[in-house]
Amino acid sequence: MDRNQENARVFKALSDPKRLAILDQLREGEKCACVLQEPMELTQSGLSYHMKILCDSGLVESRQEGKWTHYRLSPSGAERAMELLRRITSSV
């Protein structure tokens, strides 16, 4: 995958109101998928769809605990996203 495709994943992750709401919830700390699902009024498959996009972008990390997946913001993913935005919006 080339760099532009990787960069597009970040912007795709940030371009949906539900994903932005999920990121906002994760600012408070790691959360179980079951906790994220309720206030978002999403089905389990709907949440999985959004979480895959967020994880593929590098903004969110996941870990499995029993049958539940727990999600948290990725500090390195956030830094890469901020650097990407700086790079594409600054003059050469």
C-alpha atoms as a PDB file:
ATOM      1  CA  MET A   1       0.000   0.000   0.000  1.00  0.00           C
ATOM      2  CA  ASP A   2       1.436   3.381  -0.922  1.00  0.00           C
ATOM      3  CA  ARG A   3       1.678   6.378   1.389  1.00  0.00           C
ATOM      4  CA  ASN A   4      -1.305   8.196  -0.131  1.00  0.00           C
ATOM      5  CA  GLN A   5      -3.550   5.190   0.479  1.00  0.00           C
ATOM      6  CA  GLU A   6      -2.362   5.000   4.089  1.00  0.00           C
ATOM      7  CA  ASN A   7      -2.978   8.727   4.525  1.00  0.00           C
ATOM      8  CA  ALA A   8      -6.468   8.406   3.052  1.00  0.00           C
ATOM      9  CA  ARG A   9      -7.312   5.840   5.742  1.00  0.00           C
ATOM     10  CA  VAL A  10      -6.763   8.483   8.418  1.00  0.00           C
ATOM     11  CA  PHE A  11      -9.067  10.956   6.710  1.00  0.00           C
ATOM     12  CA  LYS A  12     -11.679   8.270   6.064  1.00  0.00           C
ATOM     13  CA  ALA A  13     -11.641   7.455   9.785  1.00  0.00           C
ATOM     14  CA  LEU A  14     -12.156  11.124  10.645  1.00  0.00           C
ATOM     15  CA  SER A  15     -14.863  11.784   8.067  1.00  0.00           C
ATOM     16  CA  ASP A  16     -17.821  10.127   9.797  1.00  0.00           C
ATOM     17  CA  PRO A  17     -19.827  11.627  12.709  1.00  0.00           C
ATOM     18  CA  LYS A  18     -20.226   8.243  14.430  1.00  0.00           C
ATOM     19  CA  ARG A  19     -16.488   7.570  14.295  1.00  0.00           C
ATOM     20  CA  LEU A  20     -15.786  11.048  15.664  1.00  0.00           C
ATOM     21  CA  ALA A  21     -18.203  10.312  18.528  1.00  0.00           C
ATOM     22  CA  ILE A  22     -16.399   7.024  19.202  1.00  0.00           C
ATOM     23  CA  LEU A  23     -13.040   8.821  19.294  1.00  0.00           C
ATOM     24  CA  ASP A  24     -14.534  11.329  21.711  1.00  0.00           C
ATOM     25  CA  GLN A  25     -15.636   8.501  24.022  1.00  0.00           C
ATOM     26  CA  LEU A  26     -12.183   6.918  23.856  1.00  0.00           C
ATOM     27  CA  ARG A  27     -10.605  10.174  25.029  1.00  0.00           C
ATOM     28  CA  GLU A  28     -11.825   9.151  28.515  1.00  0.00           C
ATOM     29  CA  GLY A  29      -9.801   5.925  28.319  1.00  0.00           C
ATOM     30  CA  GLU A  30     -10.067   2.353  27.143  1.00  0.00           C
ATOM     31  CA  LYS A  31     -13.592   1.089  26.614  1.00  0.00           C
ATOM     32  CA  CYS A  32     -15.172  -2.269  25.929  1.00  0.00           C
ATOM     33  CA  ALA A  33     -17.118  -2.628  22.691  1.00  0.00           C
ATOM     34  CA  CYS A  34     -20.240  -3.275  24.783  1.00  0.00           C
ATOM     35  CA  VAL A  35     -19.854   0.162  26.414  1.00  0.00           C
ATOM     36  CA  LEU A  36     -19.275   1.933  23.103  1.00  0.00           C
ATOM     37  CA  GLN A  37     -22.244   0.264  21.446  1.00  0.00           C
ATOM     38  CA  GLU A  38     -24.989   1.497  23.811  1.00  0.00           C
ATOM     39  CA  PRO A  39     -24.830   5.306  23.486  1.00  0.00           C
ATOM     40  CA  MET A  40     -24.094   5.078  19.768  1.00  0.00           C
ATOM     41  CA  GLU A  41     -27.279   3.082  19.124  1.00  0.00           C
ATOM     42  CA  LEU A  42     -25.294   0.778  16.864  1.00  0.00           C
ATOM     43  CA  THR A  43     -25.703  -2.906  16.259  1.00  0.00           C
ATOM     44  CA  GLN A  44     -22.724  -5.075  17.018  1.00  0.00           C
ATOM     45  CA  SER A  45     -21.957  -5.362  13.303  1.00  0.00           C
ATOM     46  CA  GLY A  46     -22.313  -1.586  12.861  1.00  0.00           C
ATOM     47  CA  LEU A  47     -19.848  -0.917  15.668  1.00  0.00           C
ATOM     48  CA  SER A  48     -17.461  -3.526  14.243  1.00  0.00           C
ATOM     49  CA  TYR A  49     -17.559  -1.775  10.869  1.00  0.00           C
ATOM     50  CA  HIS A  50     -16.607   1.593  12.388  1.00  0.00           C
ATOM     51  CA  MET A  51     -13.987   0.094  14.698  1.00  0.00           C
ATOM     52  CA  LYS A  52     -12.277  -1.693  11.798  1.00  0.00           C
ATOM     53  CA  ILE A  53     -11.926   1.622   9.970  1.00  0.00           C
ATOM     54  CA  LEU A  54     -10.585   3.328  13.104  1.00  0.00           C
ATOM     55  CA  CYS A  55      -8.118   0.505  13.798  1.00  0.00           C
ATOM     56  CA  ASP A  56      -7.003   0.302  10.145  1.00  0.00           C
ATOM     57  CA  SER A  57      -6.261   4.032  10.255  1.00  0.00           C
ATOM     58  CA  GLY A  58      -3.937   3.537  13.223  1.00  0.00           C
ATOM     59  CA  LEU A  59      -5.908   5.961  15.408  1.00  0.00           C
ATOM     60  CA  VAL A  60      -7.303   3.203  17.634  1.00  0.00           C
ATOM     61  CA  GLU A  61      -5.776   0.030  19.081  1.00  0.00           C
ATOM     62  CA  SER A  62      -7.669  -3.017  20.292  1.00  0.00           C
ATOM     63  CA  ARG A  63      -7.140  -5.946  22.592  1.00  0.00           C
ATOM     64  CA  GLN A  64      -9.207  -9.043  23.187  1.00  0.00           C
ATOM     65  CA  GLU A  65     -10.337  -9.988  26.697  1.00  0.00           C
ATOM     66  CA  GLY A  66     -12.490 -13.078  26.705  1.00  0.00           C
ATOM     67  CA  LYS A  67     -15.322 -12.550  24.255  1.00  0.00           C
ATOM     68  CA  TRP A  68     -15.065  -8.750  24.376  1.00  0.00           C
ATOM     69  CA  THR A  69     -12.798  -6.403  22.477  1.00  0.00           C
ATOM     70  CA  HIS A  70     -11.469  -3.337  24.274  1.00  0.00           C
ATOM     71  CA  TYR A  71     -10.454  -0.208  22.369  1.00  0.00           C
ATOM     72  CA  ARG A  72      -8.186   2.721  23.180  1.00  0.00           C
ATOM     73  CA  LEU A  73      -6.710   5.689  21.371  1.00  0.00           C
ATOM     74  CA  SER A  74      -3.277   5.083  19.899  1.00  0.00           C
ATOM     75  CA  PRO A  75      -0.817   7.805  20.925  1.00  0.00           C
ATOM     76  CA  SER A  76       1.464   6.984  17.991  1.00  0.00           C
ATOM     77  CA  GLY A  77      -1.506   6.950  15.589  1.00  0.00           C
ATOM     78  CA  ALA A  78      -2.633  10.353  16.849  1.00  0.00           C
ATOM     79  CA  GLU A  79       0.867  11.755  16.379  1.00  0.00           C
ATOM     80  CA  ARG A  80       1.056  10.378  12.823  1.00  0.00           C
ATOM     81  CA  ALA A  81      -2.338  11.923  12.009  1.00  0.00           C
ATOM     82  CA  MET A  82      -1.289  15.320  13.370  1.00  0.00           C
ATOM     83  CA  GLU A  83       1.984  15.183  11.448  1.00  0.00           C
ATOM     84  CA  LEU A  84       0.113  14.215   8.274  1.00  0.00           C
ATOM     85  CA  LEU A  85      -2.208  17.191   8.600  1.00  0.00           C
ATOM     86  CA  ARG A  86       0.748  19.521   9.261  1.00  0.00           C
ATOM     87  CA  ARG A  87       2.611  18.132   6.251  1.00  0.00           C
ATOM     88  CA  ILE A  88      -0.219  18.428   3.736  1.00  0.00           C
ATOM     89  CA  THR A  89      -1.346  21.881   4.874  1.00  0.00           C
ATOM     90  CA  SER A  90       2.039  23.601   5.051  1.00  0.00           C
ATOM     91  CA  SER A  91       3.886  25.286   2.231  1.00  0.00           C
ATOM     92  CA  VAL A  92       7.079  23.749   0.907  1.00  0.00           C
END
